[in-house]
PDB file of N, CA and C in Angstrom:
ATOM      1  N   UNK A   1      16.396  24.451   4.477  1.00  0.00           N
ATOM      2  CA  UNK A   1      17.909  24.311   4.160  1.00  0.00           C
ATOM      3  C   UNK A   1      18.742  23.938   5.439  1.00  0.00           C
ATOM      4  N   UNK A   2      19.511  23.097   5.174  1.00  0.00           N
ATOM      5  CA  UNK A   2      20.042  22.507   6.489  1.00  0.00           C
ATOM      6  C   UNK A   2      21.790  22.538   6.215  1.00  0.00           C
ATOM      7  N   UNK A   3      22.469  23.668   6.785  1.00  0.00           N
ATOM      8  CA  UNK A   3      23.848  23.896   6.618  1.00  0.00           C
ATOM      9  C   UNK A   3      24.814  22.615   6.837  1.00  0.00           C
ATOM     10  N   UNK A   4      24.385  21.673   7.624  1.00  0.00           N
ATOM     11  CA  UNK A   4      24.986  20.432   7.880  1.00  0.00           C
ATOM     12  C   UNK A   4      25.293  19.559   6.664  1.00  0.00           C
ATOM     13  N   UNK A   5      23.953  19.288   5.924  1.00  0.00           N
ATOM     14  CA  UNK A   5      24.109  18.647   4.639  1.00  0.00           C
ATOM     15  C   UNK A   5      25.008  19.309   3.615  1.00  0.00           C
ATOM     16  N   UNK A   6      24.877  20.538   3.538  1.00  0.00           N
ATOM     17  CA  UNK A   6      25.635  21.388   2.410  1.00  0.00           C
ATOM     18  C   UNK A   6      27.173  20.920   2.470  1.00  0.00           C
ATOM     19  N   UNK A   7      27.394  20.973   3.710  1.00  0.00           N
ATOM     20  CA  UNK A   7      28.684  20.861   4.013  1.00  0.00           C
ATOM     21  C   UNK A   7      29.211  19.518   3.880  1.00  0.00           C
ATOM     22  N   UNK A   8      28.414  18.621   4.256  1.00  0.00           N
ATOM     23  CA  UNK A   8      28.688  17.018   4.007  1.00  0.00           C
ATOM     24  C   UNK A   8      28.832  16.882   2.205  1.00  0.00           C
ATOM     25  N   UNK A   9      27.902  17.375   1.839  1.00  0.00           N
ATOM     26  CA  UNK A   9      28.081  17.345   0.107  1.00  0.00           C
ATOM     27  C   UNK A   9      29.236  18.082  -0.604  1.00  0.00           C
ATOM     28  N   UNK A  10      29.804  18.950   0.228  1.00  0.00           N
ATOM     29  CA  UNK A  10      30.858  19.922  -0.437  1.00  0.00           C
ATOM     30  C   UNK A  10      32.366  18.970  -0.554  1.00  0.00           C
ATOM     31  N   UNK A  11      33.146  19.378  -1.602  1.00  0.00           N
ATOM     32  CA  UNK A  11      34.419  18.925  -1.495  1.00  0.00           C
ATOM     33  C   UNK A  11      35.147  19.203  -0.356  1.00  0.00           C
ATOM     34  N   UNK A  12      34.745  20.077   0.636  1.00  0.00           N
ATOM     35  CA  UNK A  12      35.673  20.491   1.685  1.00  0.00           C
ATOM     36  C   UNK A  12      35.407  19.811   2.765  1.00  0.00           C
ATOM     37  N   UNK A  13      34.665  18.556   2.593  1.00  0.00           N
ATOM     38  CA  UNK A  13      34.000  17.929   3.612  1.00  0.00           C
ATOM     39  C   UNK A  13      35.052  16.603   3.700  1.00  0.00           C
ATOM     40  N   UNK A  14      35.751  16.395   4.886  1.00  0.00           N
ATOM     41  CA  UNK A  14      36.690  15.237   4.971  1.00  0.00           C
ATOM     42  C   UNK A  14      36.332  14.187   6.056  1.00  0.00           C
ATOM     43  N   UNK A  15      36.438  13.129   5.558  1.00  0.00           N
ATOM     44  CA  UNK A  15      36.240  11.910   6.555  1.00  0.00           C
ATOM     45  C   UNK A  15      37.670  11.413   6.672  1.00  0.00           C
ATOM     46  N   UNK A  16      37.922  10.839   7.792  1.00  0.00           N
ATOM     47  CA  UNK A  16      39.229  10.222   8.355  1.00  0.00           C
ATOM     48  C   UNK A  16      38.873   8.860   8.278  1.00  0.00           C
ATOM     49  N   UNK A  17      39.578   7.774   7.830  1.00  0.00           N
ATOM     50  CA  UNK A  17      39.615   6.478   8.161  1.00  0.00           C
ATOM     51  C   UNK A  17      40.528   6.149   9.464  1.00  0.00           C
ATOM     52  N   UNK A  18      40.036   5.617  10.348  1.00  0.00           N
ATOM     53  CA  UNK A  18      40.579   5.509  11.646  1.00  0.00           C
ATOM     54  C   UNK A  18      40.551   4.096  12.111  1.00  0.00           C
ATOM     55  N   UNK A  19      41.889   3.725  12.557  1.00  0.00           N
ATOM     56  CA  UNK A  19      41.940   2.350  12.892  1.00  0.00           C
ATOM     57  C   UNK A  19      42.426   2.268  14.292  1.00  0.00           C
ATOM     58  N   UNK A  20      41.956   1.332  15.325  1.00  0.00           N
ATOM     59  CA  UNK A  20      42.460   1.043  16.682  1.00  0.00           C
ATOM     60  C   UNK A  20      43.848   0.572  16.471  1.00  0.00           C
ATOM     61  N   UNK A  21      44.595   1.170  17.606  1.00  0.00           N
ATOM     62  CA  UNK A  21      46.102   0.667  17.774  1.00  0.00           C
ATOM     63  C   UNK A  21      46.208   0.328  18.956  1.00  0.00           C
ATOM     64  N   UNK A  22      46.558  -0.945  19.161  1.00  0.00           N
ATOM     65  CA  UNK A  22      46.545  -1.240  20.732  1.00  0.00           C
ATOM     66  C   UNK A  22      48.319  -1.055  20.949  1.00  0.00           C
ATOM     67  N   UNK A  23      48.365  -0.696  22.473  1.00  0.00           N
ATOM     68  CA  UNK A  23      49.646  -0.372  22.978  1.00  0.00           C
ATOM     69  C   UNK A  23      50.297  -1.459  23.307  1.00  0.00           C
ATOM     70  N   UNK A  24      51.291  -2.058  22.313  1.00  0.00           N
ATOM     71  CA  UNK A  24      52.207  -3.211  22.523  1.00  0.00           C
ATOM     72  C   UNK A  24      53.197  -3.076  23.377  1.00  0.00           C
ATOM     73  N   UNK A  25      53.619  -1.899  23.731  1.00  0.00           N
ATOM     74  CA  UNK A  25      54.764  -1.348  24.678  1.00  0.00           C
ATOM     75  C   UNK A  25      55.947  -1.158  23.726  1.00  0.00           C
ATOM     76  N   UNK A  26      55.766  -0.959  22.461  1.00  0.00           N
ATOM     77  CA  UNK A  26      56.831  -1.157  21.343  1.00  0.00           C
ATOM     78  C   UNK A  26      56.611   0.334  20.928  1.00  0.00           C
ATOM     79  N   UNK A  27      57.167   1.560  21.696  1.00  0.00           N
ATOM     80  CA  UNK A  27      57.019   2.833  21.332  1.00  0.00           C
ATOM     81  C   UNK A  27      58.289   3.293  21.134  1.00  0.00           C
ATOM     82  N   UNK A  28      58.609   3.648  19.860  1.00  0.00           N
ATOM     83  CA  UNK A  28      60.003   4.472  19.361  1.00  0.00           C
ATOM     84  C   UNK A  28      59.902   5.419  18.615  1.00  0.00           C
ATOM     85  N   UNK A  29      59.943   6.580  19.260  1.00  0.00           N
ATOM     86  CA  UNK A  29      59.959   7.992  18.756  1.00  0.00           C
ATOM     87  C   UNK A  29      61.313   8.105  17.430  1.00  0.00           C
ATOM     88  N   UNK A  30      60.645   8.620  16.304  1.00  0.00           N
ATOM     89  CA  UNK A  30      61.599   8.675  15.232  1.00  0.00           C
ATOM     90  C   UNK A  30      62.551   9.699  15.621  1.00  0.00           C
ATOM     91  N   UNK A  31      63.907   9.507  15.430  1.00  0.00           N
ATOM     92  CA  UNK A  31      64.835  10.346  15.760  1.00  0.00           C
ATOM     93  C   UNK A  31      64.861  12.051  15.157  1.00  0.00           C
ATOM     94  N   UNK A  32      64.022  11.909  14.013  1.00  0.00           N
ATOM     95  CA  UNK A  32      63.772  13.351  13.077  1.00  0.00           C
ATOM     96  C   UNK A  32      62.897  14.134  14.001  1.00  0.00           C
ATOM     97  N   UNK A  33      61.940  13.446  15.080  1.00  0.00           N
ATOM     98  CA  UNK A  33      60.951  14.124  15.848  1.00  0.00           C
ATOM     99  C   UNK A  33      61.581  14.419  16.814  1.00  0.00           C
ATOM    100  N   UNK A  34      62.585  14.100  17.597  1.00  0.00           N
ATOM    101  CA  UNK A  34      63.000  14.596  18.866  1.00  0.00           C
ATOM    102  C   UNK A  34      63.071  15.638  19.292  1.00  0.00           C
ATOM    103  N   UNK A  35      63.640  16.465  18.218  1.00  0.00           N
ATOM    104  CA  UNK A  35      63.929  17.835  18.518  1.00  0.00           C
ATOM    105  C   UNK A  35      62.774  18.743  18.714  1.00  0.00           C
ATOM    106  N   UNK A  36      61.765  18.207  17.718  1.00  0.00           N
ATOM    107  CA  UNK A  36      60.392  18.936  17.639  1.00  0.00           C
ATOM    108  C   UNK A  36      59.779  18.739  19.020  1.00  0.00           C
ATOM    109  N   UNK A  37      59.771  17.416  19.464  1.00  0.00           N
ATOM    110  CA  UNK A  37      58.968  17.105  20.678  1.00  0.00           C
ATOM    111  C   UNK A  37      59.735  18.063  21.766  1.00  0.00           C
ATOM    112  N   UNK A  38      61.026  18.090  21.810  1.00  0.00           N
ATOM    113  CA  UNK A  38      61.575  18.653  23.072  1.00  0.00           C
ATOM    114  C   UNK A  38      61.143  20.320  22.943  1.00  0.00           C
ATOM    115  N   UNK A  39      60.862  20.789  21.586  1.00  0.00           N
ATOM    116  CA  UNK A  39      60.402  22.282  21.582  1.00  0.00           C
ATOM    117  C   UNK A  39      59.253  22.073  22.045  1.00  0.00           C
ATOM    118  N   UNK A  40      58.217  21.127  21.954  1.00  0.00           N
ATOM    119  CA  UNK A  40      56.806  21.064  22.376  1.00  0.00           C
ATOM    120  C   UNK A  40      56.939  21.348  23.934  1.00  0.00           C
ATOM    121  N   UNK A  41      57.728  20.356  24.709  1.00  0.00           N
ATOM    122  CA  UNK A  41      57.887  20.298  25.940  1.00  0.00           C
ATOM    123  C   UNK A  41      58.361  21.704  26.327  1.00  0.00           C
ATOM    124  N   UNK A  42      59.287  22.424  25.931  1.00  0.00           N
ATOM    125  CA  UNK A  42      59.891  23.402  26.370  1.00  0.00           C
ATOM    126  C   UNK A  42      58.750  24.540  26.172  1.00  0.00           C
ATOM    127  N   UNK A  43      57.936  24.661  25.162  1.00  0.00           N
ATOM    128  CA  UNK A  43      56.682  25.681  25.169  1.00  0.00           C
ATOM    129  C   UNK A  43      55.816  25.302  26.157  1.00  0.00           C
ATOM    130  N   UNK A  44      55.618  24.046  26.299  1.00  0.00           N
ATOM    131  CA  UNK A  44      54.508  23.729  27.507  1.00  0.00           C
ATOM    132  C   UNK A  44      54.970  24.329  28.871  1.00  0.00           C
ATOM    133  N   UNK A  45      56.118  23.911  29.111  1.00  0.00           N
ATOM    134  CA  UNK A  45      56.548  24.380  30.556  1.00  0.00           C
ATOM    135  C   UNK A  45      56.646  26.006  30.383  1.00  0.00           C
ATOM    136  N   UNK A  46      56.886  26.500  29.463  1.00  0.00           N
ATOM    137  CA  UNK A  46      57.298  28.047  29.485  1.00  0.00           C
ATOM    138  C   UNK A  46      55.706  28.528  29.532  1.00  0.00           C
ATOM    139  N   UNK A  47      54.685  27.995  28.866  1.00  0.00           N
ATOM    140  CA  UNK A  47      53.543  28.618  29.178  1.00  0.00           C
ATOM    141  C   UNK A  47      53.042  28.310  30.698  1.00  0.00           C
ATOM    142  N   UNK A  48      53.509  27.179  31.211  1.00  0.00           N
ATOM    143  CA  UNK A  48      53.062  27.171  32.874  1.00  0.00           C
ATOM    144  C   UNK A  48      53.552  27.890  33.428  1.00  0.00           C
ATOM    145  N   UNK A  49      54.766  28.391  33.214  1.00  0.00           N
ATOM    146  CA  UNK A  49      55.583  29.364  34.042  1.00  0.00           C
ATOM    147  C   UNK A  49      54.941  30.759  33.800  1.00  0.00           C
ATOM    148  N   UNK A  50      54.702  31.099  32.423  1.00  0.00           N
ATOM    149  CA  UNK A  50      53.907  32.583  32.382  1.00  0.00           C
ATOM    150  C   UNK A  50      52.846  32.663  33.111  1.00  0.00           C
ATOM    151  N   UNK A  51      51.776  31.388  33.023  1.00  0.00           N
ATOM    152  CA  UNK A  51      50.593  31.343  33.865  1.00  0.00           C
ATOM    153  C   UNK A  51      50.932  31.437  35.478  1.00  0.00           C
ATOM    154  N   UNK A  52      51.954  30.821  35.954  1.00  0.00           N
ATOM    155  CA  UNK A  52      52.482  30.840  37.284  1.00  0.00           C
ATOM    156  C   UNK A  52      52.808  32.327  37.858  1.00  0.00           C
ATOM    157  N   UNK A  53      53.382  32.942  36.862  1.00  0.00           N
ATOM    158  CA  UNK A  53      54.050  34.495  37.182  1.00  0.00           C
ATOM    159  C   UNK A  53      52.734  35.456  36.653  1.00  0.00           C
ATOM    160  N   UNK A  54      51.797  35.048  36.348  1.00  0.00           N
ATOM    161  CA  UNK A  54      50.623  35.827  36.050  1.00  0.00           C
ATOM    162  C   UNK A  54      50.957  37.010  34.956  1.00  0.00           C
ATOM    163  N   UNK A  55      51.729  36.938  33.842  1.00  0.00           N
ATOM    164  CA  UNK A  55      51.723  37.854  33.173  1.00  0.00           C
ATOM    165  C   UNK A  55      50.575  37.922  32.041  1.00  0.00           C
ATOM    166  N   UNK A  56      50.479  38.959  32.049  1.00  0.00           N
ATOM    167  CA  UNK A  56      49.023  39.299  31.190  1.00  0.00           C
ATOM    168  C   UNK A  56      47.722  39.165  31.667  1.00  0.00           C
ATOM    169  N   UNK A  57      47.698  39.113  33.307  1.00  0.00           N
ATOM    170  CA  UNK A  57      46.711  38.496  33.802  1.00  0.00           C
ATOM    171  C   UNK A  57      45.868  39.922  34.412  1.00  0.00           C
ATOM    172  N   UNK A  58      45.963  41.034  33.730  1.00  0.00           N
ATOM    173  CA  UNK A  58      45.138  42.388  34.179  1.00  0.00           C
ATOM    174  C   UNK A  58      43.783  42.362  34.291  1.00  0.00           C
ATOM    175  N   UNK A  59      43.196  41.586  32.971  1.00  0.00           N
ATOM    176  CA  UNK A  59      41.810  41.639  32.813  1.00  0.00           C
ATOM    177  C   UNK A  59      40.987  40.431  33.424  1.00  0.00           C
ATOM    178  N   UNK A  60      41.943  39.795  34.246  1.00  0.00           N
ATOM    179  CA  UNK A  60      41.464  38.386  34.591  1.00  0.00           C
ATOM    180  C   UNK A  60      41.363  38.422  36.252  1.00  0.00           C
ATOM    181  N   UNK A  61      40.209  37.789  36.723  1.00  0.00           N
ATOM    182  CA  UNK A  61      40.446  37.865  38.219  1.00  0.00           C
ATOM    183  C   UNK A  61      41.643  37.538  38.813  1.00  0.00           C
ATOM    184  N   UNK A  62      41.611  38.139  39.966  1.00  0.00           N
ATOM    185  CA  UNK A  62      43.118  37.759  40.883  1.00  0.00           C
ATOM    186  C   UNK A  62      43.312  36.173  40.902  1.00  0.00           C
ATOM    187  N   UNK A  63      44.521  35.711  40.900  1.00  0.00           N
ATOM    188  CA  UNK A  63      45.321  34.310  40.773  1.00  0.00           C
ATOM    189  C   UNK A  63      44.637  33.499  39.836  1.00  0.00           C
ATOM    190  N   UNK A  64      43.819  33.669  38.831  1.00  0.00           N
ATOM    191  CA  UNK A  64      43.302  32.751  37.806  1.00  0.00           C
ATOM    192  C   UNK A  64      44.316  32.252  37.079  1.00  0.00           C
ATOM    193  N   UNK A  65      45.151  32.944  36.301  1.00  0.00           N
ATOM    194  CA  UNK A  65      46.285  32.275  35.943  1.00  0.00           C
ATOM    195  C   UNK A  65      47.386  31.344  36.731  1.00  0.00           C
ATOM    196  N   UNK A  66      47.493  31.791  38.112  1.00  0.00           N
ATOM    197  CA  UNK A  66      48.439  30.980  38.754  1.00  0.00           C
ATOM    198  C   UNK A  66      47.841  29.891  39.146  1.00  0.00           C
ATOM    199  N   UNK A  67      46.405  29.746  39.373  1.00  0.00           N
ATOM    200  CA  UNK A  67      45.887  28.548  39.719  1.00  0.00           C
ATOM    201  C   UNK A  67      45.939  27.756  38.474  1.00  0.00           C
ATOM    202  N   UNK A  68      45.906  28.190  37.104  1.00  0.00           N
ATOM    203  CA  UNK A  68      45.731  27.105  36.030  1.00  0.00           C
ATOM    204  C   UNK A  68      47.277  26.759  35.889  1.00  0.00           C
ATOM    205  N   UNK A  69      48.200  27.648  35.988  1.00  0.00           N
ATOM    206  CA  UNK A  69      49.572  27.071  35.948  1.00  0.00           C
ATOM    207  C   UNK A  69      50.002  26.151  37.175  1.00  0.00           C
ATOM    208  N   UNK A  70      49.471  26.405  38.127  1.00  0.00           N
ATOM    209  CA  UNK A  70      49.718  25.348  39.157  1.00  0.00           C
ATOM    210  C   UNK A  70      49.084  23.877  39.005  1.00  0.00           C
ATOM    211  N   UNK A  71      47.894  24.018  38.348  1.00  0.00           N
ATOM    212  CA  UNK A  71      47.180  22.648  37.927  1.00  0.00           C
ATOM    213  C   UNK A  71      47.800  21.934  36.586  1.00  0.00           C
ATOM    214  N   UNK A  72      48.715  22.616  35.864  1.00  0.00           N
ATOM    215  CA  UNK A  72      49.344  22.307  34.669  1.00  0.00           C
ATOM    216  C   UNK A  72      50.423  20.990  35.444  1.00  0.00           C
ATOM    217  N   UNK A  73      50.527  20.085  34.551  1.00  0.00           N
ATOM    218  CA  UNK A  73      51.633  19.201  35.109  1.00  0.00           C
ATOM    219  C   UNK A  73      53.112  19.843  34.475  1.00  0.00           C
ATOM    220  N   UNK A  74      54.221  19.136  34.845  1.00  0.00           N
ATOM    221  CA  UNK A  74      55.688  19.809  34.528  1.00  0.00           C
ATOM    222  C   UNK A  74      55.815  18.624  33.253  1.00  0.00           C
ATOM    223  N   UNK A  75      56.018  19.023  31.908  1.00  0.00           N
ATOM    224  CA  UNK A  75      56.295  17.949  30.886  1.00  0.00           C
ATOM    225  C   UNK A  75      57.856  17.891  31.002  1.00  0.00           C
ATOM    226  N   UNK A  76      58.025  16.578  30.481  1.00  0.00           N
ATOM    227  CA  UNK A  76      59.549  15.965  30.071  1.00  0.00           C
ATOM    228  C   UNK A  76      59.145  14.935  28.967  1.00  0.00           C
ATOM    229  N   UNK A  77      60.041  14.933  28.313  1.00  0.00           N
ATOM    230  CA  UNK A  77      60.059  14.060  27.003  1.00  0.00           C
ATOM    231  C   UNK A  77      59.672  12.579  27.415  1.00  0.00           C
ATOM    232  N   UNK A  78      60.484  12.148  28.527  1.00  0.00           N
ATOM    233  CA  UNK A  78      60.443  10.839  28.968  1.00  0.00           C
ATOM    234  C   UNK A  78      59.006  10.271  29.530  1.00  0.00           C
ATOM    235  N   UNK A  79      58.373  11.479  30.384  1.00  0.00           N
ATOM    236  CA  UNK A  79      56.995  11.302  30.914  1.00  0.00           C
ATOM    237  C   UNK A  79      56.082  11.459  29.629  1.00  0.00           C
ATOM    238  N   UNK A  80      56.009  12.366  29.187  1.00  0.00           N
ATOM    239  CA  UNK A  80      54.976  12.455  27.990  1.00  0.00           C
ATOM    240  C   UNK A  80      55.003  11.787  26.779  1.00  0.00           C
ATOM    241  N   UNK A  81      56.089  11.235  26.412  1.00  0.00           N
ATOM    242  CA  UNK A  81      56.198  10.675  25.065  1.00  0.00           C
ATOM    243  C   UNK A  81      56.836   9.365  25.207  1.00  0.00           C
ATOM    244  N   UNK A  82      56.598   8.658  26.136  1.00  0.00           N
ATOM    245  CA  UNK A  82      57.081   7.208  26.332  1.00  0.00           C
ATOM    246  C   UNK A  82      56.341   6.266  25.907  1.00  0.00           C
ATOM    247  N   UNK A  83      55.057   6.351  25.791  1.00  0.00           N
ATOM    248  CA  UNK A  83      54.389   5.268  25.225  1.00  0.00           C
ATOM    249  C   UNK A  83      53.042   6.253  24.432  1.00  0.00           C
ATOM    250  N   UNK A  84      52.243   5.304  23.671  1.00  0.00           N
ATOM    251  CA  UNK A  84      50.943   6.014  23.130  1.00  0.00           C
ATOM    252  C   UNK A  84      49.865   6.564  24.240  1.00  0.00           C
ATOM    253  N   UNK A  85      49.900   5.783  25.266  1.00  0.00           N
ATOM    254  CA  UNK A  85      48.947   6.243  26.333  1.00  0.00           C
ATOM    255  C   UNK A  85      49.663   7.553  26.929  1.00  0.00           C
ATOM    256  N   UNK A  86      50.805   7.707  27.171  1.00  0.00           N
ATOM    257  CA  UNK A  86      51.048   9.024  27.672  1.00  0.00           C
ATOM    258  C   UNK A  86      51.014  10.162  26.700  1.00  0.00           C
ATOM    259  N   UNK A  87      51.583   9.815  25.361  1.00  0.00           N
ATOM    260  CA  UNK A  87      51.324  10.752  24.374  1.00  0.00           C
ATOM    261  C   UNK A  87      49.744  11.433  24.304  1.00  0.00           C
ATOM    262  N   UNK A  88      48.958  10.501  24.273  1.00  0.00           N
ATOM    263  CA  UNK A  88      47.636  11.008  24.113  1.00  0.00           C
ATOM    264  C   UNK A  88      46.944  11.768  25.231  1.00  0.00           C
ATOM    265  N   UNK A  89      47.405  11.378  26.622  1.00  0.00           N
ATOM    266  CA  UNK A  89      47.363  12.088  27.777  1.00  0.00           C
ATOM    267  C   UNK A  89      47.757  13.487  27.552  1.00  0.00           C
ATOM    268  N   UNK A  90      49.156  13.823  26.742  1.00  0.00           N
ATOM    269  CA  UNK A  90      49.627  15.076  26.597  1.00  0.00           C
ATOM    270  C   UNK A  90      49.054  15.891  25.480  1.00  0.00           C
ATOM    271  N   UNK A  91      48.264  14.962  24.665  1.00  0.00           N
ATOM    272  CA  UNK A  91      47.442  15.700  23.575  1.00  0.00           C
ATOM    273  C   UNK A  91      46.221  16.321  24.282  1.00  0.00           C
ATOM    274  N   UNK A  92      45.775  15.781  25.178  1.00  0.00           N
ATOM    275  CA  UNK A  92      44.541  16.168  25.779  1.00  0.00           C
ATOM    276  C   UNK A  92      44.907  17.433  26.911  1.00  0.00           C
ATOM    277  N   UNK A  93      46.020  17.294  27.298  1.00  0.00           N
ATOM    278  CA  UNK A  93      46.332  18.357  28.193  1.00  0.00           C
ATOM    279  C   UNK A  93      46.726  19.811  27.277  1.00  0.00           C
ATOM    280  N   UNK A  94      47.452  19.493  26.196  1.00  0.00           N
ATOM    281  CA  UNK A  94      47.778  20.441  25.313  1.00  0.00           C
ATOM    282  C   UNK A  94      46.692  21.145  24.710  1.00  0.00           C
ATOM    283  N   UNK A  95      45.635  20.378  24.353  1.00  0.00           N
ATOM    284  CA  UNK A  95      44.369  20.901  23.699  1.00  0.00           C
ATOM    285  C   UNK A  95      43.719  21.727  24.854  1.00  0.00           C
ATOM    286  N   UNK A  96      43.687  21.226  26.104  1.00  0.00           N
ATOM    287  CA  UNK A  96      43.164  22.025  27.288  1.00  0.00           C
ATOM    288  C   UNK A  96      43.662  23.433  27.327  1.00  0.00           C
ATOM    289  N   UNK A  97      45.088  23.635  27.312  1.00  0.00           N
ATOM    290  CA  UNK A  97      46.042  24.811  27.444  1.00  0.00           C
ATOM    291  C   UNK A  97      45.647  25.730  26.103  1.00  0.00           C
ATOM    292  N   UNK A  98      45.321  24.918  25.227  1.00  0.00           N
ATOM    293  CA  UNK A  98      44.843  25.882  24.099  1.00  0.00           C
ATOM    294  C   UNK A  98      43.664  26.583  23.934  1.00  0.00           C
ATOM    295  N   UNK A  99      42.818  26.143  25.217  1.00  0.00           N
ATOM    296  CA  UNK A  99      41.333  26.560  25.118  1.00  0.00           C
ATOM    297  C   UNK A  99      41.532  27.676  25.963  1.00  0.00           C
ATOM    298  N   UNK A 100      42.449  27.836  27.149  1.00  0.00           N
ATOM    299  CA  UNK A 100      42.574  28.979  28.093  1.00  0.00           C
ATOM    300  C   UNK A 100      43.075  30.210  27.466  1.00  0.00           C
TER     301      UNK A 100
END
């Protein structure tokens, strides 16, 4: 019995069709997303501040959260969302924060 094959044969198994997109320098964020992007930037920067202040770090080794917070970059809409390349770097950093 192979659980992996069972999952692949189920209706819940999804496959994505992915296409490579080159960075042609024409990166324009939809106006309807700008507010959402600003909230994401604000949230990321708030998490950085919480880590730096070590809020909720009672069960962690000393200075763990502050070191994590200091290692995080300061986000801005212009820096993290100005091109596909910077967007994907931001996605990678956000994912790392989600795992901490």
